[in-house]
């Protein structure tokens, strides 16, 4: 049995397509305002086709990598940094 991506559940990032803003919103689970803010600041890349702004799959992957690199490191469980009672 195969499943198909629907408008509410986009499939995995595919290198052969460009995503419209609503698609990027669903993939990244961000609001339209946040998407445009990330575009404005250069943290998320896009291309223009006529009047349409499109997000390449590589830009989505790069943005996720950026977020992961900015995330604080979490101590591993059992490393002795837990508070003792």
N, C-alpha and C. Protein backbone atom coordinates (compact mmCIF):
# COMPACT_ATOMS: atom_id res chain seq x y z
N UNK A 1 0.85 -1.18 0.00
CA UNK A 1 0.00 0.00 0.00
C UNK A 1 0.89 1.23 0.00
N UNK A 2 0.65 2.15 -0.90
CA UNK A 2 1.45 3.36 -0.97
C UNK A 2 0.65 4.53 -0.45
N UNK A 3 1.38 5.50 0.07
CA UNK A 3 0.72 6.72 0.55
C UNK A 3 1.20 7.88 -0.28
N UNK A 4 0.36 8.85 -0.43
CA UNK A 4 0.71 10.05 -1.16
C UNK A 4 0.67 11.24 -0.23
N UNK A 5 1.58 12.20 -0.47
CA UNK A 5 1.58 13.43 0.34
C UNK A 5 0.36 14.26 -0.05
N UNK A 6 -0.30 14.80 0.95
CA UNK A 6 -1.44 15.67 0.70
C UNK A 6 -1.03 17.11 0.94
N UNK A 7 -1.94 18.03 0.70
CA UNK A 7 -1.65 19.45 0.91
C UNK A 7 -1.35 19.75 2.37
N UNK A 8 -1.91 18.98 3.28
CA UNK A 8 -1.66 19.24 4.70
C UNK A 8 -0.45 18.47 5.22
N UNK A 9 0.00 17.45 4.50
CA UNK A 9 1.16 16.69 4.92
C UNK A 9 2.12 16.54 3.75
N UNK A 10 3.03 17.50 3.57
CA UNK A 10 3.96 17.39 2.45
C UNK A 10 4.89 16.21 2.66
N UNK A 11 5.33 15.62 1.56
CA UNK A 11 6.27 14.51 1.63
C UNK A 11 7.65 15.00 1.99
N UNK A 12 8.63 14.10 1.93
CA UNK A 12 10.00 14.49 2.24
C UNK A 12 10.53 15.50 1.23
N UNK A 13 11.56 16.20 1.62
CA UNK A 13 12.15 17.21 0.74
C UNK A 13 12.67 16.53 -0.51
N UNK A 14 12.26 17.03 -1.66
CA UNK A 14 12.60 16.45 -2.96
C UNK A 14 13.45 17.46 -3.73
N UNK A 15 14.62 17.06 -4.20
CA UNK A 15 15.52 17.98 -4.90
C UNK A 15 14.99 18.45 -6.25
N UNK A 16 13.93 17.84 -6.75
CA UNK A 16 13.45 18.19 -8.08
C UNK A 16 12.31 19.20 -8.08
N UNK A 17 12.02 19.78 -6.94
CA UNK A 17 10.94 20.76 -6.91
C UNK A 17 11.32 21.96 -6.07
N UNK A 18 10.58 23.02 -6.27
CA UNK A 18 10.72 24.24 -5.48
C UNK A 18 9.43 24.40 -4.68
N UNK A 19 9.56 24.84 -3.45
CA UNK A 19 8.41 24.94 -2.57
C UNK A 19 7.89 26.36 -2.50
N UNK A 20 6.58 26.50 -2.57
CA UNK A 20 5.95 27.80 -2.36
C UNK A 20 5.96 28.08 -0.86
N UNK A 21 5.69 29.33 -0.49
CA UNK A 21 5.73 29.73 0.91
C UNK A 21 4.82 28.86 1.78
N UNK A 22 3.57 28.58 1.39
CA UNK A 22 2.74 27.72 2.24
C UNK A 22 3.33 26.32 2.43
N UNK A 23 4.02 25.79 1.41
CA UNK A 23 4.67 24.49 1.55
C UNK A 23 5.80 24.56 2.57
N UNK A 24 6.61 25.61 2.49
CA UNK A 24 7.71 25.80 3.44
C UNK A 24 7.16 25.98 4.85
N UNK A 25 6.03 26.67 4.97
CA UNK A 25 5.40 26.86 6.28
C UNK A 25 5.05 25.50 6.89
N UNK A 26 4.47 24.61 6.09
CA UNK A 26 4.09 23.28 6.59
C UNK A 26 5.32 22.42 6.89
N UNK A 27 6.31 22.45 6.00
CA UNK A 27 7.51 21.64 6.21
C UNK A 27 8.26 22.05 7.48
N UNK A 28 8.38 23.36 7.69
CA UNK A 28 9.16 23.87 8.82
C UNK A 28 8.29 24.14 10.05
N UNK A 29 6.98 24.06 9.88
CA UNK A 29 6.04 24.32 10.98
C UNK A 29 6.25 25.73 11.55
N UNK A 30 6.35 26.69 10.63
CA UNK A 30 6.53 28.10 11.00
C UNK A 30 5.41 28.92 10.37
N UNK A 31 5.13 30.07 10.96
CA UNK A 31 4.10 30.96 10.43
C UNK A 31 4.62 31.70 9.20
N UNK A 32 3.71 32.26 8.44
CA UNK A 32 4.07 33.04 7.26
C UNK A 32 4.99 34.21 7.65
N UNK A 33 4.67 34.86 8.76
CA UNK A 33 5.48 35.99 9.22
C UNK A 33 6.91 35.56 9.51
N UNK A 34 7.07 34.43 10.20
CA UNK A 34 8.41 33.95 10.54
C UNK A 34 9.17 33.55 9.27
N UNK A 35 8.50 32.90 8.33
CA UNK A 35 9.15 32.52 7.07
C UNK A 35 9.69 33.76 6.37
N UNK A 36 8.85 34.79 6.23
CA UNK A 36 9.30 36.00 5.53
C UNK A 36 10.39 36.73 6.32
N UNK A 37 10.35 36.67 7.63
CA UNK A 37 11.42 37.28 8.44
C UNK A 37 12.74 36.55 8.21
N UNK A 38 12.69 35.22 8.16
CA UNK A 38 13.90 34.44 7.91
C UNK A 38 14.44 34.70 6.49
N UNK A 39 13.55 34.88 5.54
CA UNK A 39 13.97 35.25 4.18
C UNK A 39 14.61 36.63 4.17
N UNK A 40 13.99 37.58 4.86
CA UNK A 40 14.49 38.95 4.89
C UNK A 40 15.88 39.04 5.50
N UNK A 41 16.12 38.25 6.55
CA UNK A 41 17.42 38.31 7.22
C UNK A 41 18.47 37.42 6.56
N UNK A 42 18.07 36.63 5.56
CA UNK A 42 19.02 35.79 4.84
C UNK A 42 19.26 34.44 5.48
N UNK A 43 18.53 34.12 6.53
CA UNK A 43 18.71 32.82 7.18
C UNK A 43 18.07 31.69 6.38
N UNK A 44 17.08 32.02 5.56
CA UNK A 44 16.41 31.07 4.67
C UNK A 44 16.51 31.64 3.26
N UNK A 45 17.05 30.85 2.33
CA UNK A 45 17.23 31.32 0.96
C UNK A 45 15.99 31.06 0.11
N UNK A 46 15.84 31.84 -0.94
CA UNK A 46 14.74 31.63 -1.87
C UNK A 46 15.18 32.08 -3.26
N UNK A 47 14.36 31.71 -4.24
CA UNK A 47 14.56 32.16 -5.62
C UNK A 47 13.24 32.76 -6.08
N UNK A 48 13.32 33.61 -7.08
CA UNK A 48 12.10 34.20 -7.63
C UNK A 48 11.88 33.70 -9.04
N UNK A 49 10.65 33.35 -9.34
CA UNK A 49 10.22 32.99 -10.69
C UNK A 49 9.07 33.91 -11.01
N UNK A 50 9.35 34.95 -11.79
CA UNK A 50 8.34 35.98 -12.01
C UNK A 50 8.08 36.69 -10.70
N UNK A 51 6.82 36.69 -10.26
CA UNK A 51 6.47 37.32 -8.98
C UNK A 51 6.42 36.32 -7.84
N UNK A 52 6.65 35.05 -8.14
CA UNK A 52 6.58 34.00 -7.12
C UNK A 52 7.91 33.84 -6.41
N UNK A 53 7.87 33.72 -5.10
CA UNK A 53 9.06 33.43 -4.30
C UNK A 53 9.00 31.94 -3.97
N UNK A 54 10.05 31.22 -4.32
CA UNK A 54 10.09 29.77 -4.14
C UNK A 54 11.31 29.39 -3.31
N UNK A 55 11.15 28.34 -2.52
CA UNK A 55 12.21 27.89 -1.62
C UNK A 55 12.77 26.58 -2.17
N UNK A 56 14.07 26.54 -2.49
CA UNK A 56 14.67 25.28 -2.94
C UNK A 56 14.79 24.29 -1.77
N UNK A 57 14.71 23.00 -2.05
CA UNK A 57 14.88 22.00 -0.98
C UNK A 57 16.20 22.15 -0.24
N UNK A 58 17.26 22.51 -0.94
CA UNK A 58 18.56 22.68 -0.29
C UNK A 58 18.51 23.81 0.74
N UNK A 59 17.70 24.84 0.48
CA UNK A 59 17.59 25.95 1.43
C UNK A 59 16.87 25.50 2.70
N UNK A 60 15.90 24.61 2.56
CA UNK A 60 15.20 24.09 3.73
C UNK A 60 16.16 23.24 4.57
N UNK A 61 16.93 22.37 3.90
CA UNK A 61 17.91 21.56 4.63
C UNK A 61 18.96 22.43 5.30
N UNK A 62 19.44 23.46 4.60
CA UNK A 62 20.44 24.36 5.17
C UNK A 62 19.89 25.11 6.39
N UNK A 63 18.62 25.51 6.32
CA UNK A 63 18.00 26.22 7.43
C UNK A 63 17.90 25.30 8.65
N UNK A 64 17.52 24.05 8.44
CA UNK A 64 17.43 23.10 9.55
C UNK A 64 18.81 22.87 10.15
N UNK A 65 19.83 22.75 9.32
CA UNK A 65 21.21 22.59 9.80
C UNK A 65 21.63 23.80 10.62
N UNK A 66 21.26 24.99 10.16
CA UNK A 66 21.56 26.22 10.89
C UNK A 66 20.91 26.20 12.27
N UNK A 67 19.66 25.80 12.33
CA UNK A 67 18.96 25.74 13.61
C UNK A 67 19.61 24.72 14.54
N UNK A 68 20.01 23.58 13.98
CA UNK A 68 20.67 22.57 14.80
C UNK A 68 22.01 23.07 15.34
N UNK A 69 22.74 23.82 14.53
CA UNK A 69 24.04 24.32 14.98
C UNK A 69 23.89 25.41 16.05
N UNK A 70 22.77 26.10 16.03
CA UNK A 70 22.52 27.16 17.02
C UNK A 70 21.95 26.62 18.33
N UNK A 71 21.43 25.40 18.30
CA UNK A 71 20.81 24.82 19.49
C UNK A 71 21.88 24.55 20.54
N UNK A 72 21.60 24.88 21.80
CA UNK A 72 22.58 24.61 22.85
C UNK A 72 22.76 23.11 23.01
N UNK A 73 23.98 22.72 23.31
CA UNK A 73 24.26 21.30 23.54
C UNK A 73 23.60 20.86 24.83
N UNK A 74 22.97 19.70 24.81
CA UNK A 74 22.31 19.16 26.00
C UNK A 74 23.25 18.13 26.61
N UNK A 75 23.43 18.18 27.93
CA UNK A 75 24.29 17.18 28.57
C UNK A 75 23.70 15.79 28.43
N UNK A 76 24.56 14.83 28.26
CA UNK A 76 24.12 13.44 28.13
C UNK A 76 23.61 12.94 29.49
N UNK A 77 22.65 12.05 29.46
CA UNK A 77 22.10 11.48 30.70
C UNK A 77 23.20 10.72 31.42
N UNK A 78 23.28 10.91 32.72
CA UNK A 78 24.24 10.18 33.53
C UNK A 78 25.65 10.76 33.50
N UNK A 79 25.81 12.03 33.09
CA UNK A 79 27.16 12.59 33.04
C UNK A 79 27.56 13.27 34.35
N UNK A 80 26.72 13.12 35.38
CA UNK A 80 27.07 13.67 36.69
C UNK A 80 26.66 15.09 36.93
N UNK A 81 25.97 15.73 35.97
CA UNK A 81 25.57 17.12 36.13
C UNK A 81 24.17 17.27 36.68
N UNK A 82 23.51 16.15 37.03
CA UNK A 82 22.15 16.25 37.57
C UNK A 82 22.22 16.75 39.01
N UNK A 83 21.20 17.45 39.40
CA UNK A 83 21.11 17.93 40.78
C UNK A 83 20.79 16.75 41.68
N UNK A 84 21.49 16.65 42.79
CA UNK A 84 21.22 15.55 43.72
C UNK A 84 20.29 16.02 44.81
N UNK A 85 19.42 15.13 45.27
CA UNK A 85 18.45 15.47 46.31
C UNK A 85 18.91 15.01 47.63
